[in-house]
Every structure is written in C-alpha cells, then in structure tokens.
All heavy atoms as atom14 arrays in JSON, in Angstrom:
{
  "sequence": "KFGAPEMGVRGAAIGTLAARILELIIVILYLAFKDKKL",
  "atom14_mask": [
    [1, 1, 1, 1, 1, 1, 1, 1, 1, 0, 0, 0, 0, 0],
    [1, 1, 1, 1, 1, 1, 1, 1, 1, 1, 1, 0, 0, 0],
    [1, 1, 1, 1, 0, 0, 0, 0, 0, 0, 0, 0, 0, 0],
    [1, 1, 1, 1, 1, 0, 0, 0, 0, 0, 0, 0, 0, 0],
    [1, 1, 1, 1, 1, 1, 1, 0, 0, 0, 0, 0, 0, 0],
    [1, 1, 1, 1, 1, 1, 1, 1, 1, 0, 0, 0, 0, 0],
    [1, 1, 1, 1, 1, 1, 1, 1, 0, 0, 0, 0, 0, 0],
    [1, 1, 1, 1, 0, 0, 0, 0, 0, 0, 0, 0, 0, 0],
    [1, 1, 1, 1, 1, 1, 1, 0, 0, 0, 0, 0, 0, 0],
    [1, 1, 1, 1, 1, 1, 1, 1, 1, 1, 1, 0, 0, 0],
    [1, 1, 1, 1, 0, 0, 0, 0, 0, 0, 0, 0, 0, 0],
    [1, 1, 1, 1, 1, 0, 0, 0, 0, 0, 0, 0, 0, 0],
    [1, 1, 1, 1, 1, 0, 0, 0, 0, 0, 0, 0, 0, 0],
    [1, 1, 1, 1, 1, 1, 1, 1, 0, 0, 0, 0, 0, 0],
    [1, 1, 1, 1, 0, 0, 0, 0, 0, 0, 0, 0, 0, 0],
    [1, 1, 1, 1, 1, 1, 1, 0, 0, 0, 0, 0, 0, 0],
    [1, 1, 1, 1, 1, 1, 1, 1, 0, 0, 0, 0, 0, 0],
    [1, 1, 1, 1, 1, 0, 0, 0, 0, 0, 0, 0, 0, 0],
    [1, 1, 1, 1, 1, 0, 0, 0, 0, 0, 0, 0, 0, 0],
    [1, 1, 1, 1, 1, 1, 1, 1, 1, 1, 1, 0, 0, 0],
    [1, 1, 1, 1, 1, 1, 1, 1, 0, 0, 0, 0, 0, 0],
    [1, 1, 1, 1, 1, 1, 1, 1, 0, 0, 0, 0, 0, 0],
    [1, 1, 1, 1, 1, 1, 1, 1, 1, 0, 0, 0, 0, 0],
    [1, 1, 1, 1, 1, 1, 1, 1, 0, 0, 0, 0, 0, 0],
    [1, 1, 1, 1, 1, 1, 1, 1, 0, 0, 0, 0, 0, 0],
    [1, 1, 1, 1, 1, 1, 1, 1, 0, 0, 0, 0, 0, 0],
    [1, 1, 1, 1, 1, 1, 1, 0, 0, 0, 0, 0, 0, 0],
    [1, 1, 1, 1, 1, 1, 1, 1, 0, 0, 0, 0, 0, 0],
    [1, 1, 1, 1, 1, 1, 1, 1, 0, 0, 0, 0, 0, 0],
    [1, 1, 1, 1, 1, 1, 1, 1, 1, 1, 1, 1, 0, 0],
    [1, 1, 1, 1, 1, 1, 1, 1, 0, 0, 0, 0, 0, 0],
    [1, 1, 1, 1, 1, 0, 0, 0, 0, 0, 0, 0, 0, 0],
    [1, 1, 1, 1, 1, 1, 1, 1, 1, 1, 1, 0, 0, 0],
    [1, 1, 1, 1, 1, 1, 1, 1, 1, 0, 0, 0, 0, 0],
    [1, 1, 1, 1, 1, 1, 1, 1, 0, 0, 0, 0, 0, 0],
    [1, 1, 1, 1, 1, 1, 1, 1, 1, 0, 0, 0, 0, 0],
    [1, 1, 1, 1, 1, 1, 1, 1, 1, 0, 0, 0, 0, 0],
    [1, 1, 1, 1, 1, 1, 1, 1, 0, 0, 0, 0, 0, 0]
  ],
  "atom14_positions": [
    [[0.84, -1.2, 0.0], [0.0, 0.0, 0.0], [0.88, 1.26, 0.0], [2.03, 1.23, 0.42], [-0.91, 0.02, 1.23], [-1.77, -1.23, 1.42], [-2.89, -1.3, 0.4], [-3.82, -2.48, 0.71], [-4.9, -2.61, -0.28], [0.0, 0.0, 0.0], [0.0, 0.0, 0.0], [0.0, 0.0, 0.0], [0.0, 0.0, 0.0], [0.0, 0.0, 0.0]],
    [[0.28, 2.37, -0.45], [0.91, 3.7, -0.42], [2.27, 3.71, -1.13], [3.21, 4.4, -0.73], [1.09, 4.2, 1.03], [-0.18, 4.15, 1.84], [-0.27, 3.33, 2.95], [-1.28, 4.92, 1.47], [-1.44, 3.28, 3.7], [-2.44, 4.89, 2.22], [-2.53, 4.07, 3.33], [0.0, 0.0, 0.0], [0.0, 0.0, 0.0], [0.0, 0.0, 0.0]],
    [[2.39, 2.93, -2.19], [3.63, 2.91, -2.95], [4.72, 2.02, -2.38], [5.81, 1.93, -2.96], [0.0, 0.0, 0.0], [0.0, 0.0, 0.0], [0.0, 0.0, 0.0], [0.0, 0.0, 0.0], [0.0, 0.0, 0.0], [0.0, 0.0, 0.0], [0.0, 0.0, 0.0], [0.0, 0.0, 0.0], [0.0, 0.0, 0.0], [0.0, 0.0, 0.0]],
    [[4.47, 1.36, -1.26], [5.46, 0.45, -0.68], [5.52, -0.84, -1.51], [4.56, -1.18, -2.2], [5.09, 0.12, 0.76], [0.0, 0.0, 0.0], [0.0, 0.0, 0.0], [0.0, 0.0, 0.0], [0.0, 0.0, 0.0], [0.0, 0.0, 0.0], [0.0, 0.0, 0.0], [0.0, 0.0, 0.0], [0.0, 0.0, 0.0], [0.0, 0.0, 0.0]],
    [[6.64, -1.56, -1.46], [6.73, -2.81, -2.22], [5.81, -3.88, -1.65], [5.58, -3.92, -0.44], [8.2, -3.22, -2.05], [8.64, -2.55, -0.78], [7.89, -1.25, -0.73], [0.0, 0.0, 0.0], [0.0, 0.0, 0.0], [0.0, 0.0, 0.0], [0.0, 0.0, 0.0], [0.0, 0.0, 0.0], [0.0, 0.0, 0.0], [0.0, 0.0, 0.0]],
    [[5.27, -4.73, -2.5], [4.44, -5.85, -2.07], [5.36, -6.95, -1.56], [6.04, -7.61, -2.35], [3.58, -6.35, -3.22], [2.64, -7.49, -2.83], [1.82, -7.99, -4.01], [1.46, -7.17, -4.88], [1.55, -9.21, -4.06], [0.0, 0.0, 0.0], [0.0, 0.0, 0.0], [0.0, 0.0, 0.0], [0.0, 0.0, 0.0], [0.0, 0.0, 0.0]],
    [[5.37, -7.19, -0.24], [6.35, -8.1, 0.35], [5.74, -9.4, 0.87], [6.47, -10.29, 1.32], [7.1, -7.39, 1.49], [7.86, -6.15, 1.03], [8.82, -5.4, 2.36], [10.12, -6.62, 2.55], [0.0, 0.0, 0.0], [0.0, 0.0, 0.0], [0.0, 0.0, 0.0], [0.0, 0.0, 0.0], [0.0, 0.0, 0.0], [0.0, 0.0, 0.0]],
    [[4.41, -9.53, 0.86], [3.77, -10.77, 1.3], [4.15, -11.16, 2.72], [4.09, -10.33, 3.64], [0.0, 0.0, 0.0], [0.0, 0.0, 0.0], [0.0, 0.0, 0.0], [0.0, 0.0, 0.0], [0.0, 0.0, 0.0], [0.0, 0.0, 0.0], [0.0, 0.0, 0.0], [0.0, 0.0, 0.0], [0.0, 0.0, 0.0], [0.0, 0.0, 0.0]],
    [[4.6, -12.4, 2.9], [4.91, -12.89, 4.25], [6.08, -12.14, 4.87], [6.16, -11.99, 6.09], [5.19, -14.41, 4.25], [3.95, -15.19, 3.88], [6.34, -14.76, 3.33], [0.0, 0.0, 0.0], [0.0, 0.0, 0.0], [0.0, 0.0, 0.0], [0.0, 0.0, 0.0], [0.0, 0.0, 0.0], [0.0, 0.0, 0.0], [0.0, 0.0, 0.0]],
    [[7.0, -11.65, 4.03], [8.12, -10.87, 4.58], [7.62, -9.57, 5.21], [8.15, -9.12, 6.23], [9.13, -10.56, 3.48], [9.96, -11.77, 3.02], [11.14, -11.33, 2.16], [11.95, -12.46, 1.73], [11.86, -13.03, 0.53], [10.96, -12.59, -0.34], [12.64, -14.06, 0.22], [0.0, 0.0, 0.0], [0.0, 0.0, 0.0], [0.0, 0.0, 0.0]],
    [[6.6, -8.97, 4.62], [6.01, -7.75, 5.19], [5.41, -8.01, 6.56], [5.56, -7.21, 7.49], [0.0, 0.0, 0.0], [0.0, 0.0, 0.0], [0.0, 0.0, 0.0], [0.0, 0.0, 0.0], [0.0, 0.0, 0.0], [0.0, 0.0, 0.0], [0.0, 0.0, 0.0], [0.0, 0.0, 0.0], [0.0, 0.0, 0.0], [0.0, 0.0, 0.0]],
    [[4.72, -9.17, 6.71], [4.14, -9.55, 8.01], [5.24, -9.74, 9.04], [5.11, -9.34, 10.2], [3.31, -10.81, 7.87], [0.0, 0.0, 0.0], [0.0, 0.0, 0.0], [0.0, 0.0, 0.0], [0.0, 0.0, 0.0], [0.0, 0.0, 0.0], [0.0, 0.0, 0.0], [0.0, 0.0, 0.0], [0.0, 0.0, 0.0], [0.0, 0.0, 0.0]],
    [[6.36, -10.36, 8.63], [7.47, -10.6, 9.55], [8.12, -9.3, 10.0], [8.47, -9.13, 11.17], [8.51, -11.5, 8.88], [0.0, 0.0, 0.0], [0.0, 0.0, 0.0], [0.0, 0.0, 0.0], [0.0, 0.0, 0.0], [0.0, 0.0, 0.0], [0.0, 0.0, 0.0], [0.0, 0.0, 0.0], [0.0, 0.0, 0.0], [0.0, 0.0, 0.0]],
    [[8.26, -8.34, 9.08], [8.84, -7.04, 9.43], [7.96, -6.32, 10.45], [8.44, -5.7, 11.41], [9.05, -6.18, 8.17], [10.18, -6.76, 7.31], [9.37, -4.72, 8.54], [10.32, -6.12, 5.94], [0.0, 0.0, 0.0], [0.0, 0.0, 0.0], [0.0, 0.0, 0.0], [0.0, 0.0, 0.0], [0.0, 0.0, 0.0], [0.0, 0.0, 0.0]],
    [[6.64, -6.4, 10.27], [5.72, -5.78, 11.23], [5.88, -6.36, 12.62], [5.91, -5.63, 13.62], [0.0, 0.0, 0.0], [0.0, 0.0, 0.0], [0.0, 0.0, 0.0], [0.0, 0.0, 0.0], [0.0, 0.0, 0.0], [0.0, 0.0, 0.0], [0.0, 0.0, 0.0], [0.0, 0.0, 0.0], [0.0, 0.0, 0.0], [0.0, 0.0, 0.0]],
    [[5.99, -7.68, 12.71], [6.15, -8.34, 14.0], [7.49, -7.97, 14.64], [7.57, -7.7, 15.85], [6.05, -9.87, 13.85], [4.78, -10.19, 13.26], [6.16, -10.57, 15.19], [0.0, 0.0, 0.0], [0.0, 0.0, 0.0], [0.0, 0.0, 0.0], [0.0, 0.0, 0.0], [0.0, 0.0, 0.0], [0.0, 0.0, 0.0], [0.0, 0.0, 0.0]],
    [[8.56, -7.94, 13.84], [9.88, -7.6, 14.36], [9.9, -6.18, 14.92], [10.43, -5.94, 16.02], [10.93, -7.76, 13.26], [12.37, -7.34, 13.6], [12.91, -8.14, 14.78], [13.28, -7.49, 12.39], [0.0, 0.0, 0.0], [0.0, 0.0, 0.0], [0.0, 0.0, 0.0], [0.0, 0.0, 0.0], [0.0, 0.0, 0.0], [0.0, 0.0, 0.0]],
    [[9.33, -5.24, 14.19], [9.3, -3.85, 14.66], [8.53, -3.74, 15.97], [8.94, -3.01, 16.89], [8.65, -2.97, 13.59], [0.0, 0.0, 0.0], [0.0, 0.0, 0.0], [0.0, 0.0, 0.0], [0.0, 0.0, 0.0], [0.0, 0.0, 0.0], [0.0, 0.0, 0.0], [0.0, 0.0, 0.0], [0.0, 0.0, 0.0], [0.0, 0.0, 0.0]],
    [[7.42, -4.48, 16.08], [6.62, -4.45, 17.3], [7.4, -5.02, 18.48], [7.36, -4.47, 19.59], [5.32, -5.23, 17.09], [0.0, 0.0, 0.0], [0.0, 0.0, 0.0], [0.0, 0.0, 0.0], [0.0, 0.0, 0.0], [0.0, 0.0, 0.0], [0.0, 0.0, 0.0], [0.0, 0.0, 0.0], [0.0, 0.0, 0.0], [0.0, 0.0, 0.0]],
    [[8.12, -6.1, 18.27], [8.89, -6.73, 19.35], [10.0, -5.81, 19.85], [10.25, -5.73, 21.06], [9.48, -8.06, 18.87], [8.47, -9.12, 18.52], [7.74, -9.62, 19.75], [6.8, -10.68, 19.42], [5.53, -10.71, 19.76], [5.01, -9.7, 20.45], [4.75, -11.73, 19.45], [0.0, 0.0, 0.0], [0.0, 0.0, 0.0], [0.0, 0.0, 0.0]],
    [[10.69, -5.14, 18.93], [11.76, -4.22, 19.33], [11.19, -3.07, 20.15], [11.75, -2.67, 21.18], [12.52, -3.7, 18.1], [13.3, -4.85, 17.45], [13.46, -2.57, 18.47], [13.91, -4.5, 16.1], [0.0, 0.0, 0.0], [0.0, 0.0, 0.0], [0.0, 0.0, 0.0], [0.0, 0.0, 0.0], [0.0, 0.0, 0.0], [0.0, 0.0, 0.0]],
    [[10.05, -2.54, 19.71], [9.42, -1.43, 20.43], [9.0, -1.87, 21.83], [9.15, -1.11, 22.8], [8.21, -0.93, 19.64], [7.48, 0.29, 20.21], [8.43, 1.48, 20.34], [6.28, 0.65, 19.33], [0.0, 0.0, 0.0], [0.0, 0.0, 0.0], [0.0, 0.0, 0.0], [0.0, 0.0, 0.0], [0.0, 0.0, 0.0], [0.0, 0.0, 0.0]],
    [[8.47, -3.08, 21.97], [8.1, -3.62, 23.29], [9.28, -3.57, 24.24], [9.16, -3.13, 25.39], [7.65, -5.08, 23.16], [6.24, -5.3, 22.69], [5.91, -6.78, 22.55], [6.84, -7.6, 22.5], [4.72, -7.1, 22.47], [0.0, 0.0, 0.0], [0.0, 0.0, 0.0], [0.0, 0.0, 0.0], [0.0, 0.0, 0.0], [0.0, 0.0, 0.0]],
    [[10.42, -4.07, 23.79], [11.6, -4.13, 24.65], [12.06, -2.75, 25.07], [12.39, -2.52, 26.24], [12.73, -4.88, 23.93], [14.04, -5.01, 24.72], [13.82, -5.73, 26.04], [15.1, -5.74, 23.89], [0.0, 0.0, 0.0], [0.0, 0.0, 0.0], [0.0, 0.0, 0.0], [0.0, 0.0, 0.0], [0.0, 0.0, 0.0], [0.0, 0.0, 0.0]],
    [[12.07, -1.81, 24.14], [12.5, -0.44, 24.45], [11.61, 0.16, 25.54], [12.09, 0.77, 26.51], [12.48, 0.44, 23.18], [13.58, -0.02, 22.22], [12.67, 1.92, 23.54], [13.5, 0.62, 20.85], [0.0, 0.0, 0.0], [0.0, 0.0, 0.0], [0.0, 0.0, 0.0], [0.0, 0.0, 0.0], [0.0, 0.0, 0.0], [0.0, 0.0, 0.0]],
    [[10.29, -0.02, 25.41], [9.35, 0.58, 26.37], [9.52, -0.03, 27.76], [9.53, 0.68, 28.77], [7.9, 0.42, 25.87], [7.68, 1.23, 24.59], [6.92, 0.91, 26.95], [6.32, 1.0, 23.94], [0.0, 0.0, 0.0], [0.0, 0.0, 0.0], [0.0, 0.0, 0.0], [0.0, 0.0, 0.0], [0.0, 0.0, 0.0], [0.0, 0.0, 0.0]],
    [[9.65, -1.37, 27.84], [9.75, -2.0, 29.16], [11.06, -1.62, 29.85], [11.11, -1.42, 31.07], [9.58, -3.53, 29.06], [10.79, -4.22, 28.49], [9.27, -4.13, 30.44], [0.0, 0.0, 0.0], [0.0, 0.0, 0.0], [0.0, 0.0, 0.0], [0.0, 0.0, 0.0], [0.0, 0.0, 0.0], [0.0, 0.0, 0.0], [0.0, 0.0, 0.0]],
    [[12.14, -1.46, 29.08], [13.41, -1.03, 29.68], [13.29, 0.4, 30.2], [13.75, 0.7, 31.32], [14.55, -1.15, 28.64], [14.89, -2.62, 28.39], [15.8, -0.4, 29.12], [15.88, -2.85, 27.27], [0.0, 0.0, 0.0], [0.0, 0.0, 0.0], [0.0, 0.0, 0.0], [0.0, 0.0, 0.0], [0.0, 0.0, 0.0], [0.0, 0.0, 0.0]],
    [[12.66, 1.27, 29.43], [12.48, 2.65, 29.88], [11.61, 2.71, 31.13], [11.86, 3.51, 32.05], [11.85, 3.49, 28.75], [12.76, 3.76, 27.55], [11.96, 4.47, 26.44], [13.97, 4.6, 27.94], [0.0, 0.0, 0.0], [0.0, 0.0, 0.0], [0.0, 0.0, 0.0], [0.0, 0.0, 0.0], [0.0, 0.0, 0.0], [0.0, 0.0, 0.0]],
    [[10.58, 1.86, 31.2], [9.72, 1.84, 32.38], [10.5, 1.42, 33.61], [10.4, 2.06, 34.67], [8.54, 0.9, 32.16], [7.61, 0.84, 33.35], [6.58, 1.76, 33.5], [7.78, -0.12, 34.36], [5.74, 1.73, 34.6], [6.95, -0.16, 35.46], [5.93, 0.77, 35.58], [5.12, 0.75, 36.69], [0.0, 0.0, 0.0], [0.0, 0.0, 0.0]],
    [[11.26, 0.35, 33.5], [12.05, -0.12, 34.64], [13.1, 0.9, 35.07], [13.4, 1.03, 36.26], [12.72, -1.46, 34.29], [11.81, -2.7, 34.33], [12.46, -3.87, 33.61], [11.47, -3.07, 35.77], [0.0, 0.0, 0.0], [0.0, 0.0, 0.0], [0.0, 0.0, 0.0], [0.0, 0.0, 0.0], [0.0, 0.0, 0.0], [0.0, 0.0, 0.0]],
    [[13.63, 1.61, 34.1], [14.7, 2.56, 34.42], [14.18, 3.85, 35.06], [14.82, 4.4, 35.97], [15.48, 2.91, 33.15], [0.0, 0.0, 0.0], [0.0, 0.0, 0.0], [0.0, 0.0, 0.0], [0.0, 0.0, 0.0], [0.0, 0.0, 0.0], [0.0, 0.0, 0.0], [0.0, 0.0, 0.0], [0.0, 0.0, 0.0], [0.0, 0.0, 0.0]],
    [[13.01, 4.31, 34.64], [12.59, 5.65, 35.05], [11.24, 5.72, 35.78], [10.96, 6.71, 36.45], [12.5, 6.58, 33.82], [13.8, 6.71, 33.1], [13.99, 6.13, 31.86], [14.87, 7.43, 33.65], [15.19, 6.24, 31.18], [16.07, 7.56, 32.98], [16.24, 6.96, 31.75], [0.0, 0.0, 0.0], [0.0, 0.0, 0.0], [0.0, 0.0, 0.0]],
    [[10.4, 4.68, 35.68], [9.04, 4.79, 36.21], [8.75, 3.86, 37.38], [8.0, 4.21, 38.29], [8.05, 4.51, 35.06], [6.61, 4.88, 35.37], [6.39, 6.38, 35.32], [4.91, 6.7, 35.5], [4.68, 8.16, 35.58], [0.0, 0.0, 0.0], [0.0, 0.0, 0.0], [0.0, 0.0, 0.0], [0.0, 0.0, 0.0], [0.0, 0.0, 0.0]],
    [[9.33, 2.68, 37.38], [9.03, 1.68, 38.4], [9.44, 2.15, 39.79], [10.54, 2.68, 39.98], [9.76, 0.37, 38.07], [9.62, -0.66, 39.17], [8.48, -1.06, 39.46], [10.65, -1.03, 39.76], [0.0, 0.0, 0.0], [0.0, 0.0, 0.0], [0.0, 0.0, 0.0], [0.0, 0.0, 0.0], [0.0, 0.0, 0.0], [0.0, 0.0, 0.0]],
    [[8.54, 1.97, 40.77], [8.79, 2.42, 42.15], [8.9, 1.25, 43.14], [9.1, 1.49, 44.33], [7.64, 3.35, 42.61], [7.42, 4.57, 41.73], [8.64, 5.47, 41.67], [8.37, 6.71, 40.83], [9.6, 7.52, 40.64], [0.0, 0.0, 0.0], [0.0, 0.0, 0.0], [0.0, 0.0, 0.0], [0.0, 0.0, 0.0], [0.0, 0.0, 0.0]],
    [[8.78, 0.02, 42.65], [8.8, -1.13, 43.56], [10.15, -1.82, 43.58], [10.66, -2.19, 44.64], [7.72, -2.14, 43.15], [6.3, -1.63, 43.3], [5.28, -2.67, 42.82], [3.86, -2.17, 42.97], [2.86, -3.14, 42.44], [0.0, 0.0, 0.0], [0.0, 0.0, 0.0], [0.0, 0.0, 0.0], [0.0, 0.0, 0.0], [0.0, 0.0, 0.0]],
    [[10.75, -2.02, 42.42], [11.97, -2.81, 42.34], [13.25, -1.98, 42.36], [14.27, -2.41, 42.87], [11.95, -3.66, 41.05], [10.93, -4.79, 41.02], [10.73, -5.31, 39.6], [11.36, -5.92, 41.93], [0.0, 0.0, 0.0], [0.0, 0.0, 0.0], [0.0, 0.0, 0.0], [0.0, 0.0, 0.0], [0.0, 0.0, 0.0], [0.0, 0.0, 0.0]]
  ]
}
C-alpha cells in the first residue's frame, strides 16, 4: 500500500519484528525511570 513494495509474508514478519523491538524499548524505559517497587 501507499507505494510500498508488495512483500507478502516478509512484510508480516517485518511488522512483528518492529513491534517486538518497540516492546523491549518501552519495558526497559519503564524499569529505568518509572518503576517504584523494584
């Protein structure tokens, strides 16, 4: 879509990979700056 290449299953894999990396970044930032218990 929107002029991007048609990647099929590779496109689905890239979406999952990006989501997993973002998850890790957020949880590390939470533990470093927001958590008040540990």
